[in-house]
Amino acid sequence: MNITKDTAVNLSYQLTTPAGKPLDKGDLSYLHGGYENIFPKVEAALEGQAVGFSTTLDLAVEDAFGARDESLVRTIPKSEFPPGVKVGGQLQGTDENGQPQMFHVVKIKGPEVHLDGNHPLAGQALRFGCKVTGVRAAKPEEIQHRHVHGDHGHHH
């Protein structure tokens, strides 16, 4: 089966810097067809391909996690900080429009806690290598929910 709209695609992937420094690797499943489950440039390269196809793409900042948004960098008093959260942890907050936003705890300095709502790889060009390990027709509920369920996908 070839990758077309409304197929569930399994990939093994490696994410590196453009110079080849490893950042992340693993297996993922996504719903193909413009559901924003994967980088659009990767989705375009996989259109029409089948199991066994592999590719490596260089992603510019705007094709990856986007530019850093400095408005998502916050400093809060340690007194407002929930107990038990450490550097490297995450906190749920809101952006300037009141929308839910995840913040990463980047450092704790004296009475201040420094938070960053940007994706850790925002502002970076990336190299995305992947191999297609499975393709199947998506289930109706996956199409309705706009993502793959089960192995390496989203669980309810």
C-alpha atoms as a PDB file:
ATOM      1  CA  MET A   1       0.000   0.000   0.000  1.00  0.00           C
ATOM      2  CA  ASN A   2       1.235   3.476  -0.819  1.00  0.00           C
ATOM      3  CA  ILE A   3       1.085   6.522   1.432  1.00  0.00           C
ATOM      4  CA  THR A   4      -1.919   8.658   0.482  1.00  0.00           C
ATOM      5  CA  LYS A   5      -4.445  10.818   2.335  1.00  0.00           C
ATOM      6  CA  ASP A   6      -5.978   9.007   5.318  1.00  0.00           C
ATOM      7  CA  THR A   7      -3.322   6.331   5.650  1.00  0.00           C
ATOM      8  CA  ALA A   8      -1.675   5.565   8.997  1.00  0.00           C
ATOM      9  CA  VAL A   9       2.091   5.598   8.511  1.00  0.00           C
ATOM     10  CA  ASN A  10       4.709   4.039  10.817  1.00  0.00           C
ATOM     11  CA  LEU A  11       8.227   5.453  10.688  1.00  0.00           C
ATOM     12  CA  SER A  12      11.505   4.810  12.373  1.00  0.00           C
ATOM     13  CA  TYR A  13      13.269   8.162  12.532  1.00  0.00           C
ATOM     14  CA  GLN A  14      16.439   9.936  13.574  1.00  0.00           C
ATOM     15  CA  LEU A  15      16.577  13.648  14.289  1.00  0.00           C
ATOM     16  CA  THR A  16      19.983  15.321  14.180  1.00  0.00           C
ATOM     17  CA  THR A  17      21.495  18.746  13.804  1.00  0.00           C
ATOM     18  CA  PRO A  18      22.480  19.619  10.215  1.00  0.00           C
ATOM     19  CA  ALA A  19      26.039  18.647  11.226  1.00  0.00           C
ATOM     20  CA  GLY A  20      24.829  15.188  12.295  1.00  0.00           C
ATOM     21  CA  LYS A  21      24.740  15.503  16.108  1.00  0.00           C
ATOM     22  CA  PRO A  22      22.015  13.095  17.356  1.00  0.00           C
ATOM     23  CA  LEU A  23      19.025  14.757  19.027  1.00  0.00           C
ATOM     24  CA  ASP A  24      16.252  12.157  19.048  1.00  0.00           C
ATOM     25  CA  LYS A  25      15.312   8.836  17.497  1.00  0.00           C
ATOM     26  CA  GLY A  26      12.534   6.339  17.754  1.00  0.00           C
ATOM     27  CA  ASP A  27       9.365   5.102  16.135  1.00  0.00           C
ATOM     28  CA  LEU A  28       6.290   7.145  15.418  1.00  0.00           C
ATOM     29  CA  SER A  29       2.952   6.761  13.726  1.00  0.00           C
ATOM     30  CA  TYR A  30       1.075   9.580  12.077  1.00  0.00           C
ATOM     31  CA  LEU A  31      -2.074  10.157  10.054  1.00  0.00           C
ATOM     32  CA  HIS A  32      -1.109  11.244   6.526  1.00  0.00           C
ATOM     33  CA  GLY A  33      -3.040  13.904   4.674  1.00  0.00           C
ATOM     34  CA  GLY A  34      -2.553  17.381   6.088  1.00  0.00           C
ATOM     35  CA  TYR A  35      -3.528  16.680   9.707  1.00  0.00           C
ATOM     36  CA  GLU A  36      -0.419  18.467  11.033  1.00  0.00           C
ATOM     37  CA  ASN A  37       0.780  15.269  12.761  1.00  0.00           C
ATOM     38  CA  ILE A  38       4.276  15.584  11.246  1.00  0.00           C
ATOM     39  CA  PHE A  39       6.413  18.281   9.595  1.00  0.00           C
ATOM     40  CA  PRO A  40       4.682  19.248   6.283  1.00  0.00           C
ATOM     41  CA  LYS A  41       7.971  18.923   4.326  1.00  0.00           C
ATOM     42  CA  VAL A  42       8.363  15.327   5.601  1.00  0.00           C
ATOM     43  CA  GLU A  43       4.751  14.532   4.759  1.00  0.00           C
ATOM     44  CA  ALA A  44       5.232  15.873   1.208  1.00  0.00           C
ATOM     45  CA  ALA A  45       8.353  13.707   0.722  1.00  0.00           C
ATOM     46  CA  LEU A  46       6.489  10.578   1.873  1.00  0.00           C
ATOM     47  CA  GLU A  47       3.396  11.108  -0.338  1.00  0.00           C
ATOM     48  CA  GLY A  48       2.968   8.100  -2.649  1.00  0.00           C
ATOM     49  CA  GLN A  49       5.810   6.091  -1.061  1.00  0.00           C
ATOM     50  CA  ALA A  50       5.582   2.587   0.413  1.00  0.00           C
ATOM     51  CA  VAL A  51       7.106   0.407   3.166  1.00  0.00           C
ATOM     52  CA  GLY A  52      10.892   0.356   2.885  1.00  0.00           C
ATOM     53  CA  PHE A  53      11.211   3.899   1.521  1.00  0.00           C
ATOM     54  CA  SER A  54      13.765   5.978   3.381  1.00  0.00           C
ATOM     55  CA  THR A  55      14.791   9.588   3.070  1.00  0.00           C
ATOM     56  CA  THR A  56      16.738  12.273   4.878  1.00  0.00           C
ATOM     57  CA  LEU A  57      15.528  15.849   4.745  1.00  0.00           C
ATOM     58  CA  ASP A  58      17.166  19.049   5.867  1.00  0.00           C
ATOM     59  CA  LEU A  59      14.542  21.182   7.582  1.00  0.00           C
ATOM     60  CA  ALA A  60      14.995  24.930   7.831  1.00  0.00           C
ATOM     61  CA  VAL A  61      13.873  26.527  11.107  1.00  0.00           C
ATOM     62  CA  GLU A  62      10.448  27.346   9.621  1.00  0.00           C
ATOM     63  CA  ASP A  63      10.040  23.744   8.349  1.00  0.00           C
ATOM     64  CA  ALA A  64      10.867  22.285  11.781  1.00  0.00           C
ATOM     65  CA  PHE A  65       9.694  23.686  15.135  1.00  0.00           C
ATOM     66  CA  GLY A  66       9.695  27.323  13.979  1.00  0.00           C
ATOM     67  CA  ALA A  67      11.477  30.385  15.256  1.00  0.00           C
ATOM     68  CA  ARG A  68      11.845  31.006  18.959  1.00  0.00           C
ATOM     69  CA  ASP A  69       9.168  33.245  20.423  1.00  0.00           C
ATOM     70  CA  GLU A  70      10.789  35.310  23.156  1.00  0.00           C
ATOM     71  CA  SER A  71       7.338  36.253  24.517  1.00  0.00           C
ATOM     72  CA  LEU A  72       7.155  32.621  25.727  1.00  0.00           C
ATOM     73  CA  VAL A  73      10.173  33.093  27.998  1.00  0.00           C
ATOM     74  CA  ARG A  74       9.062  33.912  31.537  1.00  0.00           C
ATOM     75  CA  THR A  75      10.574  34.463  34.944  1.00  0.00           C
ATOM     76  CA  ILE A  76       8.376  33.803  37.965  1.00  0.00           C
ATOM     77  CA  PRO A  77       9.079  34.130  41.693  1.00  0.00           C
ATOM     78  CA  LYS A  78      10.074  30.839  43.280  1.00  0.00           C
ATOM     79  CA  SER A  79       7.227  31.400  45.782  1.00  0.00           C
ATOM     80  CA  GLU A  80       4.710  30.834  42.922  1.00  0.00           C
ATOM     81  CA  PHE A  81       6.471  27.681  41.842  1.00  0.00           C
ATOM     82  CA  PRO A  82       4.812  24.325  42.606  1.00  0.00           C
ATOM     83  CA  PRO A  83       6.874  22.145  44.973  1.00  0.00           C
ATOM     84  CA  GLY A  84       8.663  19.179  43.445  1.00  0.00           C
ATOM     85  CA  VAL A  85       9.146  20.596  39.946  1.00  0.00           C
ATOM     86  CA  LYS A  86      12.804  20.737  38.959  1.00  0.00           C
ATOM     87  CA  VAL A  87      14.936  22.028  36.096  1.00  0.00           C
ATOM     88  CA  GLY A  88      13.962  19.998  33.039  1.00  0.00           C
ATOM     89  CA  GLY A  89      10.393  19.655  34.278  1.00  0.00           C
ATOM     90  CA  GLN A  90       7.298  21.067  32.628  1.00  0.00           C
ATOM     91  CA  LEU A  91       4.527  23.311  33.870  1.00  0.00           C
ATOM     92  CA  GLN A  92       1.139  23.988  32.296  1.00  0.00           C
ATOM     93  CA  GLY A  93       0.510  27.705  31.929  1.00  0.00           C
ATOM     94  CA  THR A  94      -1.134  30.067  29.473  1.00  0.00           C
ATOM     95  CA  ASP A  95       0.211  32.175  26.628  1.00  0.00           C
ATOM     96  CA  GLU A  96      -0.575  35.890  26.205  1.00  0.00           C
ATOM     97  CA  ASN A  97      -3.936  34.975  24.613  1.00  0.00           C
ATOM     98  CA  GLY A  98      -4.963  32.812  27.569  1.00  0.00           C
ATOM     99  CA  GLN A  99      -4.459  29.590  25.588  1.00  0.00           C
ATOM    100  CA  PRO A 100      -2.911  26.557  27.355  1.00  0.00           C
ATOM    101  CA  GLN A 101       0.860  26.513  26.971  1.00  0.00           C
ATOM    102  CA  MET A 102       3.503  24.079  28.235  1.00  0.00           C
ATOM    103  CA  PHE A 103       6.558  25.709  29.778  1.00  0.00           C
ATOM    104  CA  HIS A 104       9.914  24.000  30.325  1.00  0.00           C
ATOM    105  CA  VAL A 105      11.803  24.845  33.503  1.00  0.00           C
ATOM    106  CA  VAL A 106      15.193  25.983  32.181  1.00  0.00           C
ATOM    107  CA  LYS A 107      16.818  27.222  35.383  1.00  0.00           C
ATOM    108  CA  ILE A 108      16.215  28.129  38.987  1.00  0.00           C
ATOM    109  CA  LYS A 109      18.357  31.038  40.131  1.00  0.00           C
ATOM    110  CA  GLY A 110      17.976  32.316  43.666  1.00  0.00           C
ATOM    111  CA  PRO A 111      14.370  33.504  44.145  1.00  0.00           C
ATOM    112  CA  GLU A 112      13.572  33.238  40.407  1.00  0.00           C
ATOM    113  CA  VAL A 113      12.429  30.401  38.183  1.00  0.00           C
ATOM    114  CA  HIS A 114      13.120  30.739  34.439  1.00  0.00           C
ATOM    115  CA  LEU A 115      10.533  29.151  32.142  1.00  0.00           C
ATOM    116  CA  ASP A 116      10.504  28.726  28.361  1.00  0.00           C
ATOM    117  CA  GLY A 117       7.334  27.904  26.419  1.00  0.00           C
ATOM    118  CA  ASN A 118       9.210  27.306  23.170  1.00  0.00           C
ATOM    119  CA  HIS A 119       9.779  23.771  21.928  1.00  0.00           C
ATOM    120  CA  PRO A 120      13.344  22.851  23.030  1.00  0.00           C
ATOM    121  CA  LEU A 121      14.338  22.628  19.329  1.00  0.00           C
ATOM    122  CA  ALA A 122      12.649  25.897  18.256  1.00  0.00           C
ATOM    123  CA  GLY A 123      14.979  28.175  16.334  1.00  0.00           C
ATOM    124  CA  GLN A 124      17.092  25.285  15.045  1.00  0.00           C
ATOM    125  CA  ALA A 125      17.484  23.815  11.593  1.00  0.00           C
ATOM    126  CA  LEU A 126      17.214  20.020  11.771  1.00  0.00           C
ATOM    127  CA  ARG A 127      17.950  16.926   9.712  1.00  0.00           C
ATOM    128  CA  PHE A 128      15.122  14.360   9.738  1.00  0.00           C
ATOM    129  CA  GLY A 129      15.928  10.864   8.515  1.00  0.00           C
ATOM    130  CA  CYS A 130      13.223   8.251   8.364  1.00  0.00           C
ATOM    131  CA  LYS A 131      12.278   4.851   7.018  1.00  0.00           C
ATOM    132  CA  VAL A 132       8.685   3.784   6.363  1.00  0.00           C
ATOM    133  CA  THR A 133       8.015   0.627   8.409  1.00  0.00           C
ATOM    134  CA  GLY A 134       4.244   0.361   7.923  1.00  0.00           C
ATOM    135  CA  VAL A 135       1.322   1.775   5.959  1.00  0.00           C
ATOM    136  CA  ARG A 136      -2.345   0.939   6.456  1.00  0.00           C
ATOM    137  CA  ALA A 137      -5.723   2.495   5.858  1.00  0.00           C
ATOM    138  CA  ALA A 138      -6.654   4.707   8.776  1.00  0.00           C
ATOM    139  CA  LYS A 139      -9.649   3.717  10.872  1.00  0.00           C
ATOM    140  CA  PRO A 140     -12.705   6.011  10.710  1.00  0.00           C
ATOM    141  CA  GLU A 141     -12.232   7.138  14.326  1.00  0.00           C
ATOM    142  CA  GLU A 142      -8.577   8.029  13.618  1.00  0.00           C
ATOM    143  CA  ILE A 143      -9.668  10.239  10.732  1.00  0.00           C
ATOM    144  CA  GLN A 144     -12.373  11.773  12.934  1.00  0.00           C
ATOM    145  CA  HIS A 145      -9.848  12.424  15.742  1.00  0.00           C
ATOM    146  CA  ARG A 146      -7.171  13.570  13.242  1.00  0.00           C
ATOM    147  CA  HIS A 147      -4.435  11.272  14.612  1.00  0.00           C
ATOM    148  CA  VAL A 148      -3.375   7.616  14.793  1.00  0.00           C
ATOM    149  CA  HIS A 149      -4.407   5.542  17.830  1.00  0.00           C
ATOM    150  CA  GLY A 150      -2.477   2.665  19.398  1.00  0.00           C
ATOM    151  CA  ASP A 151       1.199   1.760  18.927  1.00  0.00           C
ATOM    152  CA  HIS A 152       3.404   4.888  18.836  1.00  0.00           C
ATOM    153  CA  GLY A 153       0.321   7.028  18.184  1.00  0.00           C
ATOM    154  CA  HIS A 154      -2.128   8.620  20.572  1.00  0.00           C
ATOM    155  CA  HIS A 155      -3.954   6.629  23.263  1.00  0.00           C
ATOM    156  CA  HIS A 156      -7.369   7.478  24.694  1.00  0.00           C
END
